[in-house]
Amino acid sequence: QVQLVESGGGLVQAGDSLRLSCAASLNPFSRYALRWFRQAPGKEREYVASVSKTGATTHYVDSVKGRFTISRDNREKRVYLQMNNLKLEDTAVYYCAAEFDGSSWYSDQELARKPPDIWGQGTLVTVSS
């Protein structure tokens, strides 16, 4: 059974850092582009970041550029999201997702048109003032 399991969420203060992790049972893991999304209370799910199949290329939504870093470990079958300088507006449930042979680029428009095939259950990140 294909699974993505996120962990690492929690309650932090504005300006703090947090590292999310997503363990995957995908095979072959290296054929999947990996992405992070988030959904804030009362809002639609939005795209956050992507990493290419090799890990060489990353892409971010403008609101997190310079603060978030996505990475992957193909041997451990994990994808990470390092979040620095967290803001109140980063509060959301964060989801990792996988797309077979996907590109390193993505957008909210792509999410509406062709959402990823495989999703995790989400991990809650709450940023307080």
Foldseek 3Di string as FASTA:
>chain_A
DWAKAKDWADEEAQQAKTKMKIATPDVQLLQKKKFKWWDAPPGDIWGAKIAHSVRPDIDGDPVQPPFWDWGADSVRRMIMIIGGRDDQVVWTWMKMAIAGNDGNDDGVVCCVVPNGDHIHPTDTHGYHD
